[in-house]
C-alpha atoms as a PDB file:
ATOM      1  CA  MET A   1      84.063 134.929 151.520  1.00  0.00           C
ATOM      2  CA  ARG A   2      85.490 136.539 148.377  1.00  0.00           C
ATOM      3  CA  LYS A   3      88.902 135.031 149.141  1.00  0.00           C
ATOM      4  CA  HIS A   4      87.400 131.529 149.388  1.00  0.00           C
ATOM      5  CA  MET A   5      85.481 132.004 146.132  1.00  0.00           C
ATOM      6  CA  LEU A   6      88.631 133.219 144.382  1.00  0.00           C
ATOM      7  CA  LEU A   7      90.569 130.187 145.599  1.00  0.00           C
ATOM      8  CA  PHE A   8      87.733 127.928 144.440  1.00  0.00           C
ATOM      9  CA  PHE A   9      87.741 129.442 140.934  1.00  0.00           C
ATOM     10  CA  LEU A  10      91.542 129.245 140.672  1.00  0.00           C
ATOM     11  CA  ALA A  11      91.493 125.603 141.753  1.00  0.00           C
ATOM     12  CA  SER A  12      88.745 124.805 139.255  1.00  0.00           C
ATOM     13  CA  ALA A  13      90.631 126.535 136.451  1.00  0.00           C
ATOM     14  CA  ALA A  14      93.822 124.691 137.318  1.00  0.00           C
ATOM     15  CA  ALA A  15      91.951 121.375 137.354  1.00  0.00           C
ATOM     16  CA  GLY A  16      90.496 122.159 133.930  1.00  0.00           C
ATOM     17  CA  VAL A  17      93.931 122.992 132.553  1.00  0.00           C
ATOM     18  CA  PHE A  18      95.394 119.741 133.875  1.00  0.00           C
ATOM     19  CA  ALA A  19      92.445 117.727 132.517  1.00  0.00           C
ATOM     20  CA  ALA A  20      92.873 119.222 129.073  1.00  0.00           C
ATOM     21  CA  ALA A  21      96.626 118.730 129.091  1.00  0.00           C
ATOM     22  CA  ALA A  22      96.553 115.132 130.324  1.00  0.00           C
ATOM     23  CA  PRO A  23      97.451 112.749 127.474  1.00  0.00           C
ATOM     24  CA  SER A  24      94.744 110.399 126.270  1.00  0.00           C
ATOM     25  CA  GLU A  25      95.113 106.729 127.124  1.00  0.00           C
ATOM     26  CA  ILE A  26      94.244 105.902 123.513  1.00  0.00           C
ATOM     27  CA  ALA A  27      95.839 107.822 120.646  1.00  0.00           C
ATOM     28  CA  VAL A  28      94.515 107.757 117.075  1.00  0.00           C
ATOM     29  CA  LYS A  29      96.214 109.140 113.969  1.00  0.00           C
ATOM     30  CA  LEU A  30      95.209 109.200 110.300  1.00  0.00           C
ATOM     31  CA  SER A  31      97.786 109.618 107.524  1.00  0.00           C
ATOM     32  CA  LEU A  32      97.559 109.639 103.723  1.00  0.00           C
ATOM     33  CA  GLU A  33     100.177 108.705 101.137  1.00  0.00           C
ATOM     34  CA  CYS A  34      99.728 112.042  99.368  1.00  0.00           C
ATOM     35  CA  ARG A  35      97.546 115.136  99.538  1.00  0.00           C
ATOM     36  CA  GLU A  36      96.214 115.183  95.963  1.00  0.00           C
ATOM     37  CA  TRP A  37      94.175 112.386  94.401  1.00  0.00           C
ATOM     38  CA  VAL A  38      92.530 112.013  90.999  1.00  0.00           C
ATOM     39  CA  GLN A  39      88.776 111.450  91.033  1.00  0.00           C
ATOM     40  CA  GLY A  40      87.992 107.754  91.333  1.00  0.00           C
ATOM     41  CA  GLU A  41      91.219 106.665  93.059  1.00  0.00           C
ATOM     42  CA  ARG A  42      90.822 104.483  96.142  1.00  0.00           C
ATOM     43  CA  ILE A  43      92.776 106.994  98.335  1.00  0.00           C
ATOM     44  CA  ARG A  44      94.916 104.784 100.565  1.00  0.00           C
ATOM     45  CA  ALA A  45      95.130 105.876 104.203  1.00  0.00           C
ATOM     46  CA  VAL A  46      96.622 104.401 107.377  1.00  0.00           C
ATOM     47  CA  VAL A  47      94.943 104.480 110.793  1.00  0.00           C
ATOM     48  CA  ASP A  48      97.478 104.334 113.631  1.00  0.00           C
ATOM     49  CA  VAL A  49      96.127 103.328 117.059  1.00  0.00           C
ATOM     50  CA  ALA A  50      98.222 103.299 120.252  1.00  0.00           C
ATOM     51  CA  ASN A  51      96.682 101.740 123.378  1.00  0.00           C
ATOM     52  CA  SER A  52      98.139 103.028 126.661  1.00  0.00           C
ATOM     53  CA  SER A  53      95.064 102.114 128.685  1.00  0.00           C
ATOM     54  CA  GLY A  54      94.606  99.059 130.867  1.00  0.00           C
ATOM     55  CA  ASP A  55      91.929  97.638 128.569  1.00  0.00           C
ATOM     56  CA  THR A  56      92.170  95.362 125.556  1.00  0.00           C
ATOM     57  CA  LEU A  57      90.577  96.898 122.476  1.00  0.00           C
ATOM     58  CA  ILE A  58      88.678  94.513 120.226  1.00  0.00           C
ATOM     59  CA  VAL A  59      87.610  96.361 117.109  1.00  0.00           C
ATOM     60  CA  ALA A  60      85.143  94.479 114.938  1.00  0.00           C
ATOM     61  CA  PRO A  61      82.384  95.293 112.423  1.00  0.00           C
ATOM     62  CA  GLY A  62      78.716  95.206 113.276  1.00  0.00           C
ATOM     63  CA  ASP A  63      77.518  96.050 116.777  1.00  0.00           C
ATOM     64  CA  ALA A  64      80.861  95.600 118.565  1.00  0.00           C
ATOM     65  CA  ALA A  65      81.537  97.934 121.493  1.00  0.00           C
ATOM     66  CA  ASP A  66      84.821  99.085 119.919  1.00  0.00           C
ATOM     67  CA  LYS A  67      84.655 100.618 116.424  1.00  0.00           C
ATOM     68  CA  ILE A  68      86.833 102.479 113.961  1.00  0.00           C
ATOM     69  CA  LEU A  69      85.062 105.225 112.033  1.00  0.00           C
ATOM     70  CA  ILE A  70      86.230 107.667 109.377  1.00  0.00           C
ATOM     71  CA  GLU A  71      84.470 111.014 109.356  1.00  0.00           C
ATOM     72  CA  LEU A  72      84.699 113.078 106.189  1.00  0.00           C
ATOM     73  CA  THR A  73      83.711 116.689 105.546  1.00  0.00           C
ATOM     74  CA  ARG A  74      84.058 119.128 102.674  1.00  0.00           C
ATOM     75  CA  ALA A  75      86.407 121.950 103.574  1.00  0.00           C
ATOM     76  CA  SER A  76      84.033 124.452 101.934  1.00  0.00           C
ATOM     77  CA  ASP A  77      81.047 123.894 104.227  1.00  0.00           C
ATOM     78  CA  GLY A  78      82.208 121.594 107.050  1.00  0.00           C
ATOM     79  CA  ARG A  79      79.203 119.305 106.645  1.00  0.00           C
ATOM     80  CA  LEU A  80      79.577 115.604 107.347  1.00  0.00           C
ATOM     81  CA  TYR A  81      79.933 113.763 104.036  1.00  0.00           C
ATOM     82  CA  PRO A  82      77.601 110.748 103.666  1.00  0.00           C
ATOM     83  CA  LYS A  83      79.069 107.259 103.646  1.00  0.00           C
ATOM     84  CA  ASN A  84      78.183 104.901 100.788  1.00  0.00           C
ATOM     85  CA  SER A  85      75.279 102.548 101.415  1.00  0.00           C
ATOM     86  CA  GLY A  86      76.134  99.265 103.099  1.00  0.00           C
ATOM     87  CA  ASP A  87      77.847  98.379 106.361  1.00  0.00           C
ATOM     88  CA  ARG A  88      81.323  97.600 105.075  1.00  0.00           C
ATOM     89  CA  PRO A  89      83.866  98.136 107.907  1.00  0.00           C
ATOM     90  CA  PHE A  90      86.608 100.733 107.518  1.00  0.00           C
ATOM     91  CA  THR A  91      89.327  98.374 108.751  1.00  0.00           C
ATOM     92  CA  ALA A  92      89.818  94.689 109.368  1.00  0.00           C
ATOM     93  CA  LYS A  93      88.977  93.240 112.794  1.00  0.00           C
ATOM     94  CA  PHE A  94      91.823  93.498 115.321  1.00  0.00           C
ATOM     95  CA  ALA A  95      92.611  93.190 119.029  1.00  0.00           C
ATOM     96  CA  LEU A  96      94.988  95.534 120.812  1.00  0.00           C
ATOM     97  CA  ALA A  97      96.350  94.663 124.259  1.00  0.00           C
ATOM     98  CA  PRO A  98      97.526  97.346 126.719  1.00  0.00           C
ATOM     99  CA  SER A  99     100.787  99.063 125.669  1.00  0.00           C
ATOM    100  CA  GLU A 100     100.411  97.858 122.084  1.00  0.00           C
ATOM    101  CA  GLY A 101     100.013  99.775 118.819  1.00  0.00           C
ATOM    102  CA  GLN A 102      98.545  98.882 115.457  1.00  0.00           C
ATOM    103  CA  LYS A 103      98.640 100.371 111.943  1.00  0.00           C
ATOM    104  CA  LEU A 104      95.642  99.577 109.755  1.00  0.00           C
ATOM    105  CA  GLU A 105      95.140 100.162 106.052  1.00  0.00           C
ATOM    106  CA  THR A 106      91.923 101.658 104.747  1.00  0.00           C
ATOM    107  CA  PHE A 107      90.765 103.071 101.399  1.00  0.00           C
ATOM    108  CA  LEU A 108      88.548 106.136 101.639  1.00  0.00           C
ATOM    109  CA  GLY A 109      87.317 105.790  98.051  1.00  0.00           C
ATOM    110  CA  ASP A 110      85.740 102.430  98.953  1.00  0.00           C
ATOM    111  CA  HIS A 111      83.436 104.166 101.455  1.00  0.00           C
ATOM    112  CA  PHE A 112      82.764 107.655 100.035  1.00  0.00           C
ATOM    113  CA  ALA A 113      81.702 108.736  96.536  1.00  0.00           C
ATOM    114  CA  PHE A 114      83.891 111.888  96.280  1.00  0.00           C
ATOM    115  CA  ALA A 115      81.556 113.217  93.596  1.00  0.00           C
ATOM    116  CA  ASP A 116      83.064 116.712  93.713  1.00  0.00           C
ATOM    117  CA  ALA A 117      86.604 117.741  92.831  1.00  0.00           C
ATOM    118  CA  THR A 118      87.339 119.845  95.898  1.00  0.00           C
ATOM    119  CA  ARG A 119      89.186 119.849  99.247  1.00  0.00           C
ATOM    120  CA  TYR A 120      88.136 117.391 101.947  1.00  0.00           C
ATOM    121  CA  LEU A 121      88.924 116.894 105.623  1.00  0.00           C
ATOM    122  CA  ALA A 122      89.073 113.429 107.179  1.00  0.00           C
ATOM    123  CA  ARG A 123      89.655 112.100 110.667  1.00  0.00           C
ATOM    124  CA  ALA A 124      89.689 108.656 112.252  1.00  0.00           C
ATOM    125  CA  VAL A 125      87.576 107.978 115.337  1.00  0.00           C
ATOM    126  CA  LEU A 126      87.921 105.054 117.727  1.00  0.00           C
ATOM    127  CA  VAL A 127      84.835 104.393 119.863  1.00  0.00           C
ATOM    128  CA  HIS A 128      85.653 102.538 123.087  1.00  0.00           C
ATOM    129  CA  GLY A 129      83.695 102.305 126.309  1.00  0.00           C
ATOM    130  CA  GLY A 130      81.263 104.971 125.157  1.00  0.00           C
ATOM    131  CA  MET A 131      84.123 107.429 124.536  1.00  0.00           C
ATOM    132  CA  ARG A 132      85.349 108.872 121.239  1.00  0.00           C
ATOM    133  CA  TYR A 133      89.071 109.082 120.568  1.00  0.00           C
ATOM    134  CA  GLU A 134      89.634 111.315 117.533  1.00  0.00           C
ATOM    135  CA  SER A 135      92.640 111.876 115.306  1.00  0.00           C
ATOM    136  CA  PRO A 136      93.581 115.346 114.055  1.00  0.00           C
ATOM    137  CA  ARG A 137      91.888 116.200 110.783  1.00  0.00           C
ATOM    138  CA  VAL A 138      93.837 115.623 107.577  1.00  0.00           C
ATOM    139  CA  SER A 139      93.137 117.742 104.496  1.00  0.00           C
ATOM    140  CA  PHE A 140      93.489 116.523 100.916  1.00  0.00           C
ATOM    141  CA  ASP A 141      92.314 117.501  97.451  1.00  0.00           C
ATOM    142  CA  VAL A 142      90.402 115.461  94.877  1.00  0.00           C
ATOM    143  CA  VAL A 143      91.239 116.735  91.378  1.00  0.00           C
ATOM    144  CA  PRO A 144      89.930 115.940  87.876  1.00  0.00           C
ATOM    145  CA  GLY A 145      93.400 115.676  86.308  1.00  0.00           C
ATOM    146  CA  VAL A 146      94.476 117.071  82.921  1.00  0.00           C
ATOM    147  CA  ARG A 147      92.980 115.209  79.980  1.00  0.00           C
ATOM    148  CA  CYS A 148      95.411 113.780  77.416  1.00  0.00           C
ATOM    149  CA  GLY A 149      93.372 111.092  75.632  1.00  0.00           C
ATOM    150  CA  GLY A 150      90.194 109.043  75.643  1.00  0.00           C
ATOM    151  CA  ALA A 151      88.043 106.360  74.045  1.00  0.00           C
ATOM    152  CA  MET A 152      84.497 104.943  74.142  1.00  0.00           C
ATOM    153  CA  GLN A 153      83.308 101.373  74.551  1.00  0.00           C
ATOM    154  CA  VAL A 154      79.964 100.195  73.181  1.00  0.00           C
ATOM    155  CA  PHE A 155      78.690  96.935  74.687  1.00  0.00           C
ATOM    156  CA  SER A 156      77.173  94.813  71.908  1.00  0.00           C
ATOM    157  CA  ASN A 157      75.584  92.441  74.447  1.00  0.00           C
ATOM    158  CA  VAL A 158      74.072  95.217  76.608  1.00  0.00           C
ATOM    159  CA  PRO A 159      71.851  97.530  74.541  1.00  0.00           C
ATOM    160  CA  GLY A 160      72.346 101.200  75.317  1.00  0.00           C
ATOM    161  CA  LEU A 161      75.401 100.726  77.548  1.00  0.00           C
ATOM    162  CA  LYS A 162      78.314 102.992  76.650  1.00  0.00           C
ATOM    163  CA  ARG A 163      81.479 103.545  78.710  1.00  0.00           C
ATOM    164  CA  LEU A 164      83.769 106.537  78.449  1.00  0.00           C
ATOM    165  CA  PHE A 165      87.490 106.169  79.159  1.00  0.00           C
ATOM    166  CA  GLU A 166      89.666 109.154  79.856  1.00  0.00           C
ATOM    167  CA  LEU A 167      93.437 109.450  80.176  1.00  0.00           C
ATOM    168  CA  VAL A 168      94.561 112.246  82.487  1.00  0.00           C
ATOM    169  CA  TYR A 169      97.844 113.189  84.068  1.00  0.00           C
ATOM    170  CA  TRP A 170      98.742 114.776  87.391  1.00  0.00           C
ATOM    171  CA  ARG A 171     101.895 115.310  89.420  1.00  0.00           C
ATOM    172  CA  ARG A 172     102.582 112.700  92.089  1.00  0.00           C
ATOM    173  CA  GLY A 173     105.709 113.332  94.105  1.00  0.00           C
ATOM    174  CA  ARG A 174     108.447 114.476  91.723  1.00  0.00           C
ATOM    175  CA  GLU A 175     106.926 112.951  88.590  1.00  0.00           C
ATOM    176  CA  GLU A 176     103.844 113.278  86.463  1.00  0.00           C
ATOM    177  CA  HIS A 177     101.706 110.137  86.457  1.00  0.00           C
ATOM    178  CA  LEU A 178      99.155 108.867  83.966  1.00  0.00           C
ATOM    179  CA  PHE A 179      95.699 107.789  85.166  1.00  0.00           C
ATOM    180  CA  LEU A 180      92.860 105.862  83.531  1.00  0.00           C
ATOM    181  CA  LYS A 181      89.401 107.129  84.473  1.00  0.00           C
ATOM    182  CA  SER A 182      86.173 105.438  83.381  1.00  0.00           C
ATOM    183  CA  GLN A 183      82.463 106.017  83.710  1.00  0.00           C
ATOM    184  CA  ASN A 184      79.248 105.015  81.984  1.00  0.00           C
ATOM    185  CA  GLU A 185      77.196 107.542  80.048  1.00  0.00           C
ATOM    186  CA  ASP A 186      74.614 107.431  82.848  1.00  0.00           C
ATOM    187  CA  GLY A 187      77.236 108.835  85.248  1.00  0.00           C
ATOM    188  CA  ARG A 188      78.260 105.681  87.093  1.00  0.00           C
ATOM    189  CA  ARG A 189      81.968 105.929  87.910  1.00  0.00           C
ATOM    190  CA  PHE A 190      84.524 103.160  88.272  1.00  0.00           C
ATOM    191  CA  ARG A 191      87.869 103.006  89.990  1.00  0.00           C
ATOM    192  CA  THR A 192      90.622 105.240  88.606  1.00  0.00           C
ATOM    193  CA  TYR A 193      93.980 103.526  88.049  1.00  0.00           C
ATOM    194  CA  ASP A 194      97.450 105.048  88.322  1.00  0.00           C
ATOM    195  CA  VAL A 195      99.366 103.389  85.461  1.00  0.00           C
ATOM    196  CA  GLY A 196     102.731 104.905  86.346  1.00  0.00           C
ATOM    197  CA  ALA A 197     105.142 107.740  85.658  1.00  0.00           C
ATOM    198  CA  LEU A 198     104.549 109.643  82.420  1.00  0.00           C
ATOM    199  CA  LEU A 199     107.055 111.384  80.148  1.00  0.00           C
ATOM    200  CA  ARG A 200     104.985 113.645  77.904  1.00  0.00           C
ATOM    201  CA  VAL A 201     107.351 113.726  74.937  1.00  0.00           C
ATOM    202  CA  THR A 202     105.132 111.015  73.401  1.00  0.00           C
ATOM    203  CA  ASP A 203     101.332 111.117  73.562  1.00  0.00           C
ATOM    204  CA  PRO A 204      99.810 108.173  75.480  1.00  0.00           C
ATOM    205  CA  LYS A 205      97.491 105.876  73.525  1.00  0.00           C
ATOM    206  CA  ILE A 206      94.360 103.952  74.505  1.00  0.00           C
ATOM    207  CA  SER A 207      92.488 101.242  72.567  1.00  0.00           C
ATOM    208  CA  VAL A 208      89.326  99.260  73.330  1.00  0.00           C
ATOM    209  CA  GLN A 209      88.877  95.832  71.746  1.00  0.00           C
ATOM    210  CA  THR A 210      85.519  94.198  71.033  1.00  0.00           C
ATOM    211  CA  ASN A 211      86.224  91.525  73.691  1.00  0.00           C
ATOM    212  CA  GLY A 212      86.457  94.192  76.414  1.00  0.00           C
ATOM    213  CA  VAL A 213      90.244  94.430  76.695  1.00  0.00           C
ATOM    214  CA  VAL A 214      91.376  98.029  77.223  1.00  0.00           C
ATOM    215  CA  THR A 215      95.041  98.759  76.509  1.00  0.00           C
ATOM    216  CA  VAL A 216      96.951 101.886  77.530  1.00  0.00           C
ATOM    217  CA  LEU A 217     100.429 102.518  76.134  1.00  0.00           C
ATOM    218  CA  HIS A 218     102.569 105.378  77.445  1.00  0.00           C
ATOM    219  CA  ARG A 219     106.189 106.458  77.683  1.00  0.00           C
ATOM    220  CA  ALA A 220     107.523 106.150  81.224  1.00  0.00           C
ATOM    221  CA  SER A 221     111.109 107.308  80.591  1.00  0.00           C
ATOM    222  CA  GLN A 222     113.500 108.152  77.767  1.00  0.00           C
ATOM    223  CA  ASP A 223     114.002 104.483  76.898  1.00  0.00           C
ATOM    224  CA  GLU A 224     110.926 102.678  78.237  1.00  0.00           C
ATOM    225  CA  PHE A 225     107.210 102.310  77.503  1.00  0.00           C
ATOM    226  CA  ILE A 226     104.564 100.730  79.745  1.00  0.00           C
ATOM    227  CA  ARG A 227     101.644  98.757  78.357  1.00  0.00           C
ATOM    228  CA  SER A 228      98.703  98.374  80.778  1.00  0.00           C
ATOM    229  CA  ASP A 229      95.817  95.989  80.089  1.00  0.00           C
ATOM    230  CA  PHE A 230      92.373  96.054  81.728  1.00  0.00           C
ATOM    231  CA  TRP A 231      89.152  94.054  81.505  1.00  0.00           C
ATOM    232  CA  SER A 232      86.148  96.302  80.935  1.00  0.00           C
ATOM    233  CA  LEU A 233      83.224  94.211  82.162  1.00  0.00           C
ATOM    234  CA  LYS A 234      79.549  95.059  82.386  1.00  0.00           C
ATOM    235  CA  ASP A 235      79.763  96.074  86.060  1.00  0.00           C
ATOM    236  CA  ASP A 236      83.437  96.808  86.604  1.00  0.00           C
ATOM    237  CA  VAL A 237      86.819  97.794  85.155  1.00  0.00           C
ATOM    238  CA  VAL A 238      89.554  95.438  86.383  1.00  0.00           C
ATOM    239  CA  PHE A 239      93.321  95.720  86.035  1.00  0.00           C
ATOM    240  CA  ARG A 240      95.020  92.767  84.280  1.00  0.00           C
ATOM    241  CA  GLU A 241      98.753  93.428  83.918  1.00  0.00           C
ATOM    242  CA  HIS A 242     101.594  95.844  83.229  1.00  0.00           C
ATOM    243  CA  GLU A 243     104.299  95.141  80.674  1.00  0.00           C
ATOM    244  CA  ARG A 244     107.470  97.216  80.398  1.00  0.00           C
ATOM    245  CA  MET A 245     108.922  97.553  76.906  1.00  0.00           C
ATOM    246  CA  THR A 246     112.146  99.117  75.701  1.00  0.00           C
ATOM    247  CA  ASP A 247     111.889 101.887  73.136  1.00  0.00           C
ATOM    248  CA  PRO A 248     112.747 100.159  69.807  1.00  0.00           C
ATOM    249  CA  ASP A 249     114.949 103.089  68.736  1.00  0.00           C
ATOM    250  CA  VAL A 250     116.951 102.914  71.952  1.00  0.00           C
ATOM    251  CA  ALA A 251     117.054  99.112  71.746  1.00  0.00           C
ATOM    252  CA  GLY A 252     118.657  99.448  68.320  1.00  0.00           C
ATOM    253  CA  VAL A 253     121.332 101.773  69.667  1.00  0.00           C
ATOM    254  CA  GLU A 254     122.086  99.363  72.504  1.00  0.00           C
ATOM    255  CA  ARG A 255     122.420  96.499  70.002  1.00  0.00           C
ATOM    256  CA  VAL A 256     124.937  98.510  67.922  1.00  0.00           C
ATOM    257  CA  LYS A 257     126.972  99.134  71.070  1.00  0.00           C
ATOM    258  CA  ALA A 258     126.920  95.427  71.853  1.00  0.00           C
ATOM    259  CA  LEU A 259     128.139  94.582  68.342  1.00  0.00           C
ATOM    260  CA  TYR A 260     131.078  96.954  68.717  1.00  0.00           C
ATOM    261  CA  MET A 261     131.996  95.269  72.000  1.00  0.00           C
ATOM    262  CA  GLU A 262     131.697  91.797  70.467  1.00  0.00           C
ATOM    263  CA  ALA A 263     133.976  92.827  67.573  1.00  0.00           C
ATOM    264  CA  GLY A 264     136.575  94.136  69.989  1.00  0.00           C
ATOM    265  CA  GLU A 265     136.525  97.579  68.441  1.00  0.00           C
ATOM    266  CA  ALA A 266     136.416 100.863  70.263  1.00  0.00           C
ATOM    267  CA  GLU A 267     133.059 102.526  70.578  1.00  0.00           C
ATOM    268  CA  PRO A 268     132.808 105.603  68.337  1.00  0.00           C
ATOM    269  CA  VAL A 269     133.101 108.888  70.184  1.00  0.00           C
ATOM    270  CA  LYS A 270     129.863 110.836  70.338  1.00  0.00           C
ATOM    271  CA  LYS A 271     129.969 114.617  70.454  1.00  0.00           C
ATOM    272  CA  ALA A 272     127.163 117.041  71.067  1.00  0.00           C
ATOM    273  CA  TRP A 273     126.372 119.210  68.046  1.00  0.00           C
ATOM    274  CA  TRP A 274     127.570 122.296  69.877  1.00  0.00           C
ATOM    275  CA  LYS A 275     131.030 120.862  70.690  1.00  0.00           C
ATOM    276  CA  PHE A 276     133.731 121.217  68.041  1.00  0.00           C
ATOM    277  CA  TRP A 277     136.696 119.767  69.930  1.00  0.00           C
END
């Protein structure tokens, strides 16, 4: 009797091991462009779905049987972070036949408030046939950035409405980038914009015109500035355009070089101050 029971338990354990080790017919993965984001950024992510089952997946918003969900938790307490109000889908509608894969773009900041600058954990979930197919969790940090400038807008046509703009920088990849943050005095936040690489040998500047045009000017490299224009409207802050401009001092040097070439004369030799030969 004991021998039969032992064989039964060994068989059950082996079956459990094989069930756990068997690959899922549907694989889901979530990836982010980077692991640190400034408060207010949209936080671009990609959901990767691979369908090795015999079924066609039809993911659609509303009450569709197949759904893509993003579940977010704070790393500090592990509690599920609430989604913003509204039923906006995480990804566009798509159909996935057997043996097909699909990569889908989503922006976490469009669905979650990220009120706290802290570490978060996110995972993608595909619901199909009453089953949940989950991606591994991905951790990332939301940071306030380092302040390097600011301005205030007073709306003459909306009594009492004031908007605070803040320039901050943070490292992104191998470079420091400049970001424009904005929020009303009542605490309502708007999207944060990455306006490009920042070289902090020159302080960035921000100006707000009476017509609602916000202009940010910053040095992107040794010989180039970037001017970024935005519309600051009553209910939103909208990007207009970037304009790259050559540093006028460097432009003058380049023009002198061109004149030497046009005259057919040799370019003067430049020596560092510490070289005497």
